[in-house]
Amino acid sequence: MSPATITKIVSDIFGVDVSEIRQQTHLDRADRVVFARFAAITLCRQKTTMSLSQLGRFFRNKNHSTVINAMKVCSYLCETNRAYAALFDTTLHAVNSSEIDVLQLTGFYPFVYDLTTIHDD
C-alpha cells in the first residue's frame, strides 16, 4: 500500500485534510492534526518499505529523528489514551482491509474524540 493511500485513510478517519497531515509549517500544532500525523507516520513505517529518511521527505521534509519521535509518541498515546488507541486501531483495521467505507466502519465522522487532554487512565 502506498503512503499516499495510508495518509488518505488516516485523514478520513481523523477528520483532517491530507494537506494538513503532510504540512511542513510549524503552525499546525492543533492536536488532532498532530495526532493524525503521528498515526500516518507510524502506519506508513509499518506498512511500507520506506526508510526513515524517505518517510521524512514524504511528510514534507521532516527529519528522520522527527519520524522516530512521531512513532514513539504514537506508541505512548496508544498505551495511555483509550480514545487515541481506539482511533488508531480503527485506522489500522482500515489500512489492513484495503477497502474502506469510513462512515460505515467507524461510526464517527468527522473526528469526535477530544484528545486535547492527554492523561493516564
PDB file of N, CA and C in Angstrom:
ATOM      1  N   MET A   1       0.842  -1.165   0.000  1.00  0.00           N
ATOM      2  CA  MET A   1       0.000   0.000   0.000  1.00  0.00           C
ATOM      3  C   MET A   1       0.899   1.244   0.000  1.00  0.00           C
ATOM      4  N   SER A   2       0.486   2.248  -0.690  1.00  0.00           N
ATOM      5  CA  SER A   2       1.304   3.454  -0.816  1.00  0.00           C
ATOM      6  C   SER A   2       1.119   4.360   0.400  1.00  0.00           C
ATOM      7  N   PRO A   3       2.119   5.181   0.691  1.00  0.00           N
ATOM      8  CA  PRO A   3       1.972   6.128   1.796  1.00  0.00           C
ATOM      9  C   PRO A   3       0.853   7.141   1.533  1.00  0.00           C
ATOM     10  N   ALA A   4       0.595   7.466   0.284  1.00  0.00           N
ATOM     11  CA  ALA A   4      -0.493   8.390  -0.033  1.00  0.00           C
ATOM     12  C   ALA A   4      -1.843   7.781   0.335  1.00  0.00           C
ATOM     13  N   THR A   5      -2.020   6.494   0.064  1.00  0.00           N
ATOM     14  CA  THR A   5      -3.263   5.807   0.404  1.00  0.00           C
ATOM     15  C   THR A   5      -3.434   5.726   1.917  1.00  0.00           C
ATOM     16  N   ILE A   6      -2.367   5.385   2.613  1.00  0.00           N
ATOM     17  CA  ILE A   6      -2.418   5.312   4.070  1.00  0.00           C
ATOM     18  C   ILE A   6      -2.772   6.679   4.653  1.00  0.00           C
ATOM     19  N   THR A   7      -2.137   7.716   4.163  1.00  0.00           N
ATOM     20  CA  THR A   7      -2.392   9.065   4.661  1.00  0.00           C
ATOM     21  C   THR A   7      -3.826   9.485   4.386  1.00  0.00           C
ATOM     22  N   LYS A   8      -4.373   9.089   3.242  1.00  0.00           N
ATOM     23  CA  LYS A   8      -5.774   9.401   2.922  1.00  0.00           C
ATOM     24  C   LYS A   8      -6.715   8.702   3.897  1.00  0.00           C
ATOM     25  N   ILE A   9      -6.449   7.444   4.217  1.00  0.00           N
ATOM     26  CA  ILE A   9      -7.283   6.718   5.173  1.00  0.00           C
ATOM     27  C   ILE A   9      -7.211   7.386   6.544  1.00  0.00           C
ATOM     28  N   VAL A  10      -6.008   7.731   6.973  1.00  0.00           N
ATOM     29  CA  VAL A  10      -5.841   8.422   8.256  1.00  0.00           C
ATOM     30  C   VAL A  10      -6.612   9.736   8.246  1.00  0.00           C
ATOM     31  N   SER A  11      -6.498  10.494   7.174  1.00  0.00           N
ATOM     32  CA  SER A  11      -7.180  11.795   7.111  1.00  0.00           C
ATOM     33  C   SER A  11      -8.690  11.623   7.185  1.00  0.00           C
ATOM     34  N   ASP A  12      -9.223  10.615   6.525  1.00  0.00           N
ATOM     35  CA  ASP A  12     -10.667  10.362   6.564  1.00  0.00           C
ATOM     36  C   ASP A  12     -11.133  10.014   7.978  1.00  0.00           C
ATOM     37  N   ILE A  13     -10.397   9.149   8.643  1.00  0.00           N
ATOM     38  CA  ILE A  13     -10.820   8.686   9.962  1.00  0.00           C
ATOM     39  C   ILE A  13     -10.594   9.750  11.034  1.00  0.00           C
ATOM     40  N   PHE A  14      -9.492  10.473  10.949  1.00  0.00           N
ATOM     41  CA  PHE A  14      -9.220  11.513  11.940  1.00  0.00           C
ATOM     42  C   PHE A  14      -9.953  12.824  11.626  1.00  0.00           C
ATOM     43  N   GLY A  15     -10.510  12.940  10.432  1.00  0.00           N
ATOM     44  CA  GLY A  15     -11.267  14.131  10.077  1.00  0.00           C
ATOM     45  C   GLY A  15     -10.416  15.351   9.812  1.00  0.00           C
ATOM     46  N   VAL A  16      -9.231  15.137   9.245  1.00  0.00           N
ATOM     47  CA  VAL A  16      -8.363  16.255   8.869  1.00  0.00           C
ATOM     48  C   VAL A  16      -7.970  16.092   7.406  1.00  0.00           C
ATOM     49  N   ASP A  17      -7.559  17.172   6.775  1.00  0.00           N
ATOM     50  CA  ASP A  17      -7.144  17.112   5.378  1.00  0.00           C
ATOM     51  C   ASP A  17      -5.772  16.467   5.246  1.00  0.00           C
ATOM     52  N   VAL A  18      -5.574  15.771   4.133  1.00  0.00           N
ATOM     53  CA  VAL A  18      -4.266  15.194   3.829  1.00  0.00           C
ATOM     54  C   VAL A  18      -3.205  16.280   3.834  1.00  0.00           C
ATOM     55  N   SER A  19      -3.535  17.433   3.288  1.00  0.00           N
ATOM     56  CA  SER A  19      -2.553  18.524   3.237  1.00  0.00           C
ATOM     57  C   SER A  19      -2.132  18.963   4.628  1.00  0.00           C
ATOM     58  N   GLU A  20      -3.047  18.922   5.598  1.00  0.00           N
ATOM     59  CA  GLU A  20      -2.696  19.272   6.972  1.00  0.00           C
ATOM     60  C   GLU A  20      -1.731  18.248   7.571  1.00  0.00           C
ATOM     61  N   ILE A  21      -1.972  16.968   7.288  1.00  0.00           N
ATOM     62  CA  ILE A  21      -1.106  15.912   7.811  1.00  0.00           C
ATOM     63  C   ILE A  21       0.296  16.045   7.244  1.00  0.00           C
ATOM     64  N   ARG A  22       0.394  16.371   5.969  1.00  0.00           N
ATOM     65  CA  ARG A  22       1.698  16.435   5.303  1.00  0.00           C
ATOM     66  C   ARG A  22       2.320  17.828   5.344  1.00  0.00           C
ATOM     67  N   GLN A  23       1.681  18.773   5.988  1.00  0.00           N
ATOM     68  CA  GLN A  23       2.118  20.161   6.015  1.00  0.00           C
ATOM     69  C   GLN A  23       3.500  20.310   6.645  1.00  0.00           C
ATOM     70  N   GLN A  24       4.276  21.231   6.129  1.00  0.00           N
ATOM     71  CA  GLN A  24       5.644  21.450   6.614  1.00  0.00           C
ATOM     72  C   GLN A  24       5.727  22.482   7.716  1.00  0.00           C
ATOM     73  N   THR A  25       4.837  23.431   7.728  1.00  0.00           N
ATOM     74  CA  THR A  25       4.934  24.543   8.655  1.00  0.00           C
ATOM     75  C   THR A  25       4.765  24.115  10.111  1.00  0.00           C
ATOM     76  N   HIS A  26       5.294  24.906  11.008  1.00  0.00           N
ATOM     77  CA  HIS A  26       5.159  24.644  12.435  1.00  0.00           C
ATOM     78  C   HIS A  26       3.916  25.302  13.004  1.00  0.00           C
ATOM     79  N   LEU A  27       3.077  25.825  12.153  1.00  0.00           N
ATOM     80  CA  LEU A  27       1.851  26.481  12.601  1.00  0.00           C
ATOM     81  C   LEU A  27       0.688  25.500  12.696  1.00  0.00           C
ATOM     82  N   ASP A  28       0.970  24.223  12.555  1.00  0.00           N
ATOM     83  CA  ASP A  28      -0.079  23.201  12.513  1.00  0.00           C
ATOM     84  C   ASP A  28      -0.121  22.402  13.814  1.00  0.00           C
ATOM     85  N   ARG A  29      -0.067  23.079  14.923  1.00  0.00           N
ATOM     86  CA  ARG A  29       0.036  22.405  16.214  1.00  0.00           C
ATOM     87  C   ARG A  29      -1.298  21.940  16.785  1.00  0.00           C
ATOM     88  N   ALA A  30      -2.381  22.040  16.032  1.00  0.00           N
ATOM     89  CA  ALA A  30      -3.659  21.528  16.514  1.00  0.00           C
ATOM     90  C   ALA A  30      -3.505  20.046  16.820  1.00  0.00           C
ATOM     91  N   ASP A  31      -3.935  19.662  18.002  1.00  0.00           N
ATOM     92  CA  ASP A  31      -3.719  18.286  18.456  1.00  0.00           C
ATOM     93  C   ASP A  31      -4.225  17.246  17.472  1.00  0.00           C
ATOM     94  N   ARG A  32      -5.416  17.450  16.923  1.00  0.00           N
ATOM     95  CA  ARG A  32      -5.953  16.425  16.031  1.00  0.00           C
ATOM     96  C   ARG A  32      -5.106  16.265  14.780  1.00  0.00           C
ATOM     97  N   VAL A  33      -4.496  17.334  14.298  1.00  0.00           N
ATOM     98  CA  VAL A  33      -3.622  17.243  13.133  1.00  0.00           C
ATOM     99  C   VAL A  33      -2.333  16.525  13.505  1.00  0.00           C
ATOM    100  N   VAL A  34      -1.756  16.904  14.622  1.00  0.00           N
ATOM    101  CA  VAL A  34      -0.509  16.274  15.063  1.00  0.00           C
ATOM    102  C   VAL A  34      -0.736  14.791  15.350  1.00  0.00           C
ATOM    103  N   PHE A  35      -1.832  14.468  16.027  1.00  0.00           N
ATOM    104  CA  PHE A  35      -2.119  13.073  16.336  1.00  0.00           C
ATOM    105  C   PHE A  35      -2.364  12.257  15.071  1.00  0.00           C
ATOM    106  N   ALA A  36      -3.025  12.864  14.096  1.00  0.00           N
ATOM    107  CA  ALA A  36      -3.232  12.184  12.812  1.00  0.00           C
ATOM    108  C   ALA A  36      -1.899  11.955  12.113  1.00  0.00           C
ATOM    109  N   ARG A  37      -1.012  12.952  12.167  1.00  0.00           N
ATOM    110  CA  ARG A  37       0.306  12.805  11.555  1.00  0.00           C
ATOM    111  C   ARG A  37       1.091  11.669  12.222  1.00  0.00           C
ATOM    112  N   PHE A  38       1.038  11.594  13.554  1.00  0.00           N
ATOM    113  CA  PHE A  38       1.728  10.511  14.263  1.00  0.00           C
ATOM    114  C   PHE A  38       1.230   9.154  13.780  1.00  0.00           C
ATOM    115  N   ALA A  39      -0.093   9.018  13.649  1.00  0.00           N
ATOM    116  CA  ALA A  39      -0.672   7.754  13.184  1.00  0.00           C
ATOM    117  C   ALA A  39      -0.246   7.452  11.752  1.00  0.00           C
ATOM    118  N   ALA A  40      -0.285   8.457  10.896  1.00  0.00           N
ATOM    119  CA  ALA A  40       0.085   8.254   9.494  1.00  0.00           C
ATOM    120  C   ALA A  40       1.549   7.844   9.362  1.00  0.00           C
ATOM    121  N   ILE A  41       2.419   8.508  10.090  1.00  0.00           N
ATOM    122  CA  ILE A  41       3.843   8.167  10.032  1.00  0.00           C
ATOM    123  C   ILE A  41       4.068   6.742  10.522  1.00  0.00           C
ATOM    124  N   THR A  42       3.436   6.394  11.647  1.00  0.00           N
ATOM    125  CA  THR A  42       3.605   5.056  12.217  1.00  0.00           C
ATOM    126  C   THR A  42       3.097   3.985  11.266  1.00  0.00           C
ATOM    127  N   LEU A  43       1.922   4.206  10.689  1.00  0.00           N
ATOM    128  CA  LEU A  43       1.359   3.206   9.782  1.00  0.00           C
ATOM    129  C   LEU A  43       2.160   3.110   8.485  1.00  0.00           C
ATOM    130  N   CYS A  44       2.651   4.224   7.990  1.00  0.00           N
ATOM    131  CA  CYS A  44       3.488   4.183   6.794  1.00  0.00           C
ATOM    132  C   CYS A  44       4.766   3.390   7.065  1.00  0.00           C
ATOM    133  N   ARG A  45       5.324   3.557   8.225  1.00  0.00           N
ATOM    134  CA  ARG A  45       6.541   2.805   8.572  1.00  0.00           C
ATOM    135  C   ARG A  45       6.244   1.317   8.689  1.00  0.00           C
ATOM    136  N   GLN A  46       5.083   0.983   9.266  1.00  0.00           N
ATOM    137  CA  GLN A  46       4.710  -0.420   9.443  1.00  0.00           C
ATOM    138  C   GLN A  46       4.303  -1.092   8.137  1.00  0.00           C
ATOM    139  N   LYS A  47       3.672  -0.361   7.265  1.00  0.00           N
ATOM    140  CA  LYS A  47       3.042  -0.972   6.087  1.00  0.00           C
ATOM    141  C   LYS A  47       3.778  -0.743   4.773  1.00  0.00           C
ATOM    142  N   THR A  48       4.883  -0.002   4.809  1.00  0.00           N
ATOM    143  CA  THR A  48       5.662   0.196   3.595  1.00  0.00           C
ATOM    144  C   THR A  48       7.113  -0.176   3.868  1.00  0.00           C
ATOM    145  N   THR A  49       7.891  -0.160   2.839  1.00  0.00           N
ATOM    146  CA  THR A  49       9.322  -0.437   2.985  1.00  0.00           C
ATOM    147  C   THR A  49      10.142   0.850   2.992  1.00  0.00           C
ATOM    148  N   MET A  50       9.486   1.966   3.202  1.00  0.00           N
ATOM    149  CA  MET A  50      10.169   3.262   3.175  1.00  0.00           C
ATOM    150  C   MET A  50      11.113   3.402   4.365  1.00  0.00           C
ATOM    151  N   SER A  51      12.265   3.999   4.104  1.00  0.00           N
ATOM    152  CA  SER A  51      13.215   4.290   5.175  1.00  0.00           C
ATOM    153  C   SER A  51      12.720   5.496   5.974  1.00  0.00           C
ATOM    154  N   LEU A  52      13.358   5.733   7.109  1.00  0.00           N
ATOM    155  CA  LEU A  52      13.004   6.896   7.923  1.00  0.00           C
ATOM    156  C   LEU A  52      13.192   8.189   7.136  1.00  0.00           C
ATOM    157  N   SER A  53      14.269   8.277   6.387  1.00  0.00           N
ATOM    158  CA  SER A  53      14.521   9.474   5.573  1.00  0.00           C
ATOM    159  C   SER A  53      13.473   9.642   4.482  1.00  0.00           C
ATOM    160  N   GLN A  54      13.099   8.547   3.838  1.00  0.00           N
ATOM    161  CA  GLN A  54      12.067   8.621   2.801  1.00  0.00           C
ATOM    162  C   GLN A  54      10.731   9.066   3.397  1.00  0.00           C
ATOM    163  N   LEU A  55      10.394   8.536   4.573  1.00  0.00           N
ATOM    164  CA  LEU A  55       9.164   8.972   5.236  1.00  0.00           C
ATOM    165  C   LEU A  55       9.228  10.455   5.571  1.00  0.00           C
ATOM    166  N   GLY A  56      10.371  10.896   6.059  1.00  0.00           N
ATOM    167  CA  GLY A  56      10.539  12.305   6.362  1.00  0.00           C
ATOM    168  C   GLY A  56      10.310  13.181   5.149  1.00  0.00           C
ATOM    169  N   ARG A  57      10.841  12.758   4.005  1.00  0.00           N
ATOM    170  CA  ARG A  57      10.636  13.520   2.772  1.00  0.00           C
ATOM    171  C   ARG A  57       9.168  13.501   2.353  1.00  0.00           C
ATOM    172  N   PHE A  58       8.509  12.351   2.495  1.00  0.00           N
ATOM    173  CA  PHE A  58       7.095  12.256   2.131  1.00  0.00           C
ATOM    174  C   PHE A  58       6.249  13.212   2.979  1.00  0.00           C
ATOM    175  N   PHE A  59       6.581  13.313   4.256  1.00  0.00           N
ATOM    176  CA  PHE A  59       5.857  14.211   5.147  1.00  0.00           C
ATOM    177  C   PHE A  59       6.490  15.597   5.163  1.00  0.00           C
ATOM    178  N   ARG A  60       6.789  16.109   4.003  1.00  0.00           N
ATOM    179  CA  ARG A  60       7.265  17.466   3.742  1.00  0.00           C
ATOM    180  C   ARG A  60       8.549  17.806   4.492  1.00  0.00           C
ATOM    181  N   ASN A  61       9.567  17.030   4.191  1.00  0.00           N
ATOM    182  CA  ASN A  61      10.921  17.307   4.664  1.00  0.00           C
ATOM    183  C   ASN A  61      11.092  17.288   6.174  1.00  0.00           C
ATOM    184  N   LYS A  62      10.414  16.355   6.810  1.00  0.00           N
ATOM    185  CA  LYS A  62      10.634  16.144   8.230  1.00  0.00           C
ATOM    186  C   LYS A  62      11.941  15.368   8.374  1.00  0.00           C
ATOM    187  N   ASN A  63      12.672  15.629   9.422  1.00  0.00           N
ATOM    188  CA  ASN A  63      13.923  14.946   9.702  1.00  0.00           C
ATOM    189  C   ASN A  63      13.638  13.506  10.121  1.00  0.00           C
ATOM    190  N   HIS A  64      14.574  12.587   9.879  1.00  0.00           N
ATOM    191  CA  HIS A  64      14.358  11.193  10.256  1.00  0.00           C
ATOM    192  C   HIS A  64      14.153  11.057  11.764  1.00  0.00           C
ATOM    193  N   SER A  65      14.770  11.928  12.563  1.00  0.00           N
ATOM    194  CA  SER A  65      14.570  11.865  14.014  1.00  0.00           C
ATOM    195  C   SER A  65      13.151  12.307  14.388  1.00  0.00           C
ATOM    196  N   THR A  66      12.560  13.176  13.593  1.00  0.00           N
ATOM    197  CA  THR A  66      11.164  13.565  13.808  1.00  0.00           C
ATOM    198  C   THR A  66      10.248  12.386  13.543  1.00  0.00           C
ATOM    199  N   VAL A  67      10.569  11.586  12.544  1.00  0.00           N
ATOM    200  CA  VAL A  67       9.802  10.379  12.239  1.00  0.00           C
ATOM    201  C   VAL A  67       9.892   9.397  13.406  1.00  0.00           C
ATOM    202  N   ILE A  68      11.086   9.199  13.927  1.00  0.00           N
ATOM    203  CA  ILE A  68      11.268   8.297  15.074  1.00  0.00           C
ATOM    204  C   ILE A  68      10.451   8.792  16.265  1.00  0.00           C
ATOM    205  N   ASN A  69      10.533  10.090  16.541  1.00  0.00           N
ATOM    206  CA  ASN A  69       9.784  10.653  17.660  1.00  0.00           C
ATOM    207  C   ASN A  69       8.276  10.480  17.468  1.00  0.00           C
ATOM    208  N   ALA A  70       7.791  10.687  16.267  1.00  0.00           N
ATOM    209  CA  ALA A  70       6.362  10.527  15.991  1.00  0.00           C
ATOM    210  C   ALA A  70       5.909   9.101  16.284  1.00  0.00           C
ATOM    211  N   MET A  71       6.721   8.124  15.915  1.00  0.00           N
ATOM    212  CA  MET A  71       6.367   6.723  16.180  1.00  0.00           C
ATOM    213  C   MET A  71       6.369   6.430  17.675  1.00  0.00           C
ATOM    214  N   LYS A  72       7.327   6.992  18.406  1.00  0.00           N
ATOM    215  CA  LYS A  72       7.388   6.802  19.861  1.00  0.00           C
ATOM    216  C   LYS A  72       6.168   7.419  20.540  1.00  0.00           C
ATOM    217  N   VAL A  73       5.815   8.624  20.129  1.00  0.00           N
ATOM    218  CA  VAL A  73       4.666   9.291  20.734  1.00  0.00           C
ATOM    219  C   VAL A  73       3.376   8.548  20.389  1.00  0.00           C
ATOM    220  N   CYS A  74       3.258   8.068  19.164  1.00  0.00           N
ATOM    221  CA  CYS A  74       2.082   7.292  18.769  1.00  0.00           C
ATOM    222  C   CYS A  74       1.952   6.052  19.649  1.00  0.00           C
ATOM    223  N   SER A  75       3.040   5.358  19.869  1.00  0.00           N
ATOM    224  CA  SER A  75       3.033   4.176  20.725  1.00  0.00           C
ATOM    225  C   SER A  75       2.619   4.535  22.149  1.00  0.00           C
ATOM    226  N   TYR A  76       3.172   5.628  22.664  1.00  0.00           N
ATOM    227  CA  TYR A  76       2.831   6.083  24.014  1.00  0.00           C
ATOM    228  C   TYR A  76       1.347   6.428  24.107  1.00  0.00           C
ATOM    229  N   LEU A  77       0.829   7.151  23.116  1.00  0.00           N
ATOM    230  CA  LEU A  77      -0.577   7.516  23.133  1.00  0.00           C
ATOM    231  C   LEU A  77      -1.480   6.283  23.077  1.00  0.00           C
ATOM    232  N   CYS A  78      -1.089   5.295  22.295  1.00  0.00           N
ATOM    233  CA  CYS A  78      -1.879   4.061  22.215  1.00  0.00           C
ATOM    234  C   CYS A  78      -1.916   3.329  23.561  1.00  0.00           C
ATOM    235  N   GLU A  79      -0.841   3.459  24.314  1.00  0.00           N
ATOM    236  CA  GLU A  79      -0.771   2.796  25.615  1.00  0.00           C
ATOM    237  C   GLU A  79      -1.495   3.572  26.713  1.00  0.00           C
ATOM    238  N   THR A  80      -1.580   4.880  26.591  1.00  0.00           N
ATOM    239  CA  THR A  80      -2.066   5.690  27.704  1.00  0.00           C
ATOM    240  C   THR A  80      -3.398   6.394  27.450  1.00  0.00           C
ATOM    241  N   ASN A  81      -3.863   6.430  26.222  1.00  0.00           N
ATOM    242  CA  ASN A  81      -5.080   7.164  25.905  1.00  0.00           C
ATOM    243  C   ASN A  81      -6.033   6.243  25.150  1.00  0.00           C
ATOM    244  N   ARG A  82      -7.110   5.867  25.816  1.00  0.00           N
ATOM    245  CA  ARG A  82      -8.052   4.900  25.208  1.00  0.00           C
ATOM    246  C   ARG A  82      -8.682   5.418  23.922  1.00  0.00           C
ATOM    247  N   ALA A  83      -9.011   6.698  23.895  1.00  0.00           N
ATOM    248  CA  ALA A  83      -9.636   7.265  22.699  1.00  0.00           C
ATOM    249  C   ALA A  83      -8.681   7.206  21.517  1.00  0.00           C
ATOM    250  N   TYR A  84      -7.439   7.585  21.745  1.00  0.00           N
ATOM    251  CA  TYR A  84      -6.454   7.538  20.656  1.00  0.00           C
ATOM    252  C   TYR A  84      -6.205   6.103  20.225  1.00  0.00           C
ATOM    253  N   ALA A  85      -6.099   5.193  21.198  1.00  0.00           N
ATOM    254  CA  ALA A  85      -5.862   3.784  20.872  1.00  0.00           C
ATOM    255  C   ALA A  85      -6.999   3.231  20.012  1.00  0.00           C
ATOM    256  N   ALA A  86      -8.233   3.584  20.345  1.00  0.00           N
ATOM    257  CA  ALA A  86      -9.382   3.115  19.563  1.00  0.00           C
ATOM    258  C   ALA A  86      -9.345   3.688  18.147  1.00  0.00           C
ATOM    259  N   LEU A  87      -9.005   4.953  18.048  1.00  0.00           N
ATOM    260  CA  LEU A  87      -8.921   5.592  16.737  1.00  0.00           C
ATOM    261  C   LEU A  87      -7.792   4.988  15.903  1.00  0.00           C
ATOM    262  N   PHE A  88      -6.651   4.753  16.534  1.00  0.00           N
ATOM    263  CA  PHE A  88      -5.523   4.143  15.828  1.00  0.00           C
ATOM    264  C   PHE A  88      -5.878   2.725  15.378  1.00  0.00           C
ATOM    265  N   ASP A  89      -6.526   1.949  16.248  1.00  0.00           N
ATOM    266  CA  ASP A  89      -6.926   0.580  15.883  1.00  0.00           C
ATOM    267  C   ASP A  89      -7.909   0.578  14.717  1.00  0.00           C
ATOM    268  N   THR A  90      -8.836   1.513  14.728  1.00  0.00           N
ATOM    269  CA  THR A  90      -9.784   1.639  13.617  1.00  0.00           C
ATOM    270  C   THR A  90      -9.044   1.944  12.325  1.00  0.00           C
ATOM    271  N   THR A  91      -8.080   2.840  12.418  1.00  0.00           N
ATOM    272  CA  THR A  91      -7.292   3.216  11.247  1.00  0.00           C
ATOM    273  C   THR A  91      -6.461   2.035  10.758  1.00  0.00           C
ATOM    274  N   LEU A  92      -5.843   1.328  11.684  1.00  0.00           N
ATOM    275  CA  LEU A  92      -5.055   0.146  11.320  1.00  0.00           C
ATOM    276  C   LEU A  92      -5.936  -0.897  10.635  1.00  0.00           C
ATOM    277  N   HIS A  93      -7.120  -1.110  11.160  1.00  0.00           N
ATOM    278  CA  HIS A  93      -8.057  -2.056  10.538  1.00  0.00           C
ATOM    279  C   HIS A  93      -8.411  -1.608   9.119  1.00  0.00           C
ATOM    280  N   ALA A  94      -8.650  -0.324   8.950  1.00  0.00           N
ATOM    281  CA  ALA A  94      -8.986   0.202   7.628  1.00  0.00           C
ATOM    282  C   ALA A  94      -7.836   0.020   6.652  1.00  0.00           C
ATOM    283  N   VAL A  95      -6.628   0.285   7.112  1.00  0.00           N
ATOM    284  CA  VAL A  95      -5.451   0.110   6.254  1.00  0.00           C
ATOM    285  C   VAL A  95      -5.299  -1.359   5.886  1.00  0.00           C
ATOM    286  N   ASN A  96      -5.487  -2.231   6.863  1.00  0.00           N
ATOM    287  CA  ASN A  96      -5.344  -3.669   6.610  1.00  0.00           C
ATOM    288  C   ASN A  96      -6.418  -4.205   5.686  1.00  0.00           C
ATOM    289  N   SER A  97      -7.609  -3.663   5.749  1.00  0.00           N
ATOM    290  CA  SER A  97      -8.706  -4.183   4.934  1.00  0.00           C
ATOM    291  C   SER A  97      -8.664  -3.690   3.490  1.00  0.00           C
ATOM    292  N   SER A  98      -7.917  -2.624   3.223  1.00  0.00           N
ATOM    293  CA  SER A  98      -7.738  -2.065   1.885  1.00  0.00           C
ATOM    294  C   SER A  98      -8.989  -1.451   1.289  1.00  0.00           C
ATOM    295  N   GLU A  99     -10.137  -1.908   1.697  1.00  0.00           N
ATOM    296  CA  GLU A  99     -11.368  -1.296   1.215  1.00  0.00           C
ATOM    297  C   GLU A  99     -12.017  -0.628   2.415  1.00  0.00           C
ATOM    298  N   ILE A 100     -12.328   0.647   2.250  1.00  0.00           N
ATOM    299  CA  ILE A 100     -12.830   1.379   3.405  1.00  0.00           C
ATOM    300  C   ILE A 100     -14.058   2.193   3.062  1.00  0.00           C
ATOM    301  N   ASP A 101     -15.034   2.081   3.913  1.00  0.00           N
ATOM    302  CA  ASP A 101     -16.160   2.994   3.903  1.00  0.00           C
ATOM    303  C   ASP A 101     -16.135   3.633   5.282  1.00  0.00           C
ATOM    304  N   VAL A 102     -15.553   4.795   5.384  1.00  0.00           N
ATOM    305  CA  VAL A 102     -15.282   5.411   6.680  1.00  0.00           C
ATOM    306  C   VAL A 102     -16.546   5.552   7.506  1.00  0.00           C
ATOM    307  N   LEU A 103     -17.610   6.005   6.906  1.00  0.00           N
ATOM    308  CA  LEU A 103     -18.828   6.207   7.680  1.00  0.00           C
ATOM    309  C   LEU A 103     -19.331   4.902   8.280  1.00  0.00           C
ATOM    310  N   GLN A 104     -19.334   3.846   7.513  1.00  0.00           N
ATOM    311  CA  GLN A 104     -19.822   2.568   7.995  1.00  0.00           C
ATOM    312  C   GLN A 104     -18.852   1.933   8.980  1.00  0.00           C
ATOM    313  N   LEU A 105     -17.569   2.006   8.709  1.00  0.00           N
ATOM    314  CA  LEU A 105     -16.562   1.356   9.528  1.00  0.00           C
ATOM    315  C   LEU A 105     -16.437   1.985  10.900  1.00  0.00           C
ATOM    316  N   THR A 106     -16.386   3.290  10.962  1.00  0.00           N
ATOM    317  CA  THR A 106     -16.066   3.949  12.219  1.00  0.00           C
ATOM    318  C   THR A 106     -17.275   4.359  13.028  1.00  0.00           C
ATOM    319  N   GLY A 107     -18.353   4.732  12.367  1.00  0.00           N
ATOM    320  CA  GLY A 107     -19.495   5.231  13.086  1.00  0.00           C
ATOM    321  C   GLY A 107     -19.289   6.632  13.642  1.00  0.00           C
ATOM    322  N   PHE A 108     -18.166   7.235  13.379  1.00  0.00           N
ATOM    323  CA  PHE A 108     -17.928   8.618  13.790  1.00  0.00           C
ATOM    324  C   PHE A 108     -17.145   9.316  12.694  1.00  0.00           C
ATOM    325  N   TYR A 109     -17.720  10.413  12.254  1.00  0.00           N
ATOM    326  CA  TYR A 109     -17.049  11.202  11.233  1.00  0.00           C
ATOM    327  C   TYR A 109     -17.688  12.568  11.225  1.00  0.00           C
ATOM    328  N   PRO A 110     -16.962  13.614  11.248  1.00  0.00           N
ATOM    329  CA  PRO A 110     -15.513  13.634  11.381  1.00  0.00           C
ATOM    330  C   PRO A 110     -15.078  13.390  12.816  1.00  0.00           C
ATOM    331  N   PHE A 111     -13.846  13.635  13.067  1.00  0.00           N
ATOM    332  CA  PHE A 111     -13.157  13.429  14.333  1.00  0.00           C
ATOM    333  C   PHE A 111     -14.027  13.857  15.515  1.00  0.00           C
ATOM    334  N   VAL A 112     -14.293  12.933  16.450  1.00  0.00           N
ATOM    335  CA  VAL A 112     -15.152  13.282  17.576  1.00  0.00           C
ATOM    336  C   VAL A 112     -14.466  13.168  18.921  1.00  0.00           C
ATOM    337  N   TYR A 113     -13.359  12.476  18.991  1.00  0.00           N
ATOM    338  CA  TYR A 113     -12.699  12.322  20.273  1.00  0.00           C
ATOM    339  C   TYR A 113     -11.979  13.602  20.668  1.00  0.00           C
ATOM    340  N   ASP A 114     -12.070  13.939  21.929  1.00  0.00           N
ATOM    341  CA  ASP A 114     -11.334  15.086  22.438  1.00  0.00           C
ATOM    342  C   ASP A 114      -9.997  14.594  22.965  1.00  0.00           C
ATOM    343  N   LEU A 115      -8.973  14.756  22.171  1.00  0.00           N
ATOM    344  CA  LEU A 115      -7.651  14.288  22.553  1.00  0.00           C
ATOM    345  C   LEU A 115      -6.771  15.445  23.023  1.00  0.00           C
ATOM    346  N   THR A 116      -7.395  16.567  23.342  1.00  0.00           N
ATOM    347  CA  THR A 116      -6.607  17.724  23.741  1.00  0.00           C
ATOM    348  C   THR A 116      -6.016  17.557  25.129  1.00  0.00           C
ATOM    349  N   THR A 117      -6.626  16.726  25.945  1.00  0.00           N
ATOM    350  CA  THR A 117      -6.099  16.483  27.285  1.00  0.00           C
ATOM    351  C   THR A 117      -5.641  15.042  27.355  1.00  0.00           C
ATOM    352  N   ILE A 118      -4.363  14.849  27.359  1.00  0.00           N
ATOM    353  CA  ILE A 118      -3.803  13.513  27.439  1.00  0.00           C
ATOM    354  C   ILE A 118      -3.570  13.205  28.915  1.00  0.00           C
ATOM    355  N   HIS A 119      -4.107  12.084  29.351  1.00  0.00           N
ATOM    356  CA  HIS A 119      -3.908  11.696  30.746  1.00  0.00           C
ATOM    357  C   HIS A 119      -3.866  10.188  30.832  1.00  0.00           C
ATOM    358  N   ASP A 120      -3.279   9.695  31.879  1.00  0.00           N
ATOM    359  CA  ASP A 120      -3.221   8.260  32.114  1.00  0.00           C
ATOM    360  C   ASP A 120      -4.569   7.799  32.643  1.00  0.00           C
ATOM    361  N   ASP A 121      -5.032   6.667  32.131  1.00  0.00           N
ATOM    362  CA  ASP A 121      -6.285   6.085  32.626  1.00  0.00           C
ATOM    363  C   ASP A 121      -6.011   4.966  33.598  1.00  0.00           C
TER     364      ASP A 121
END
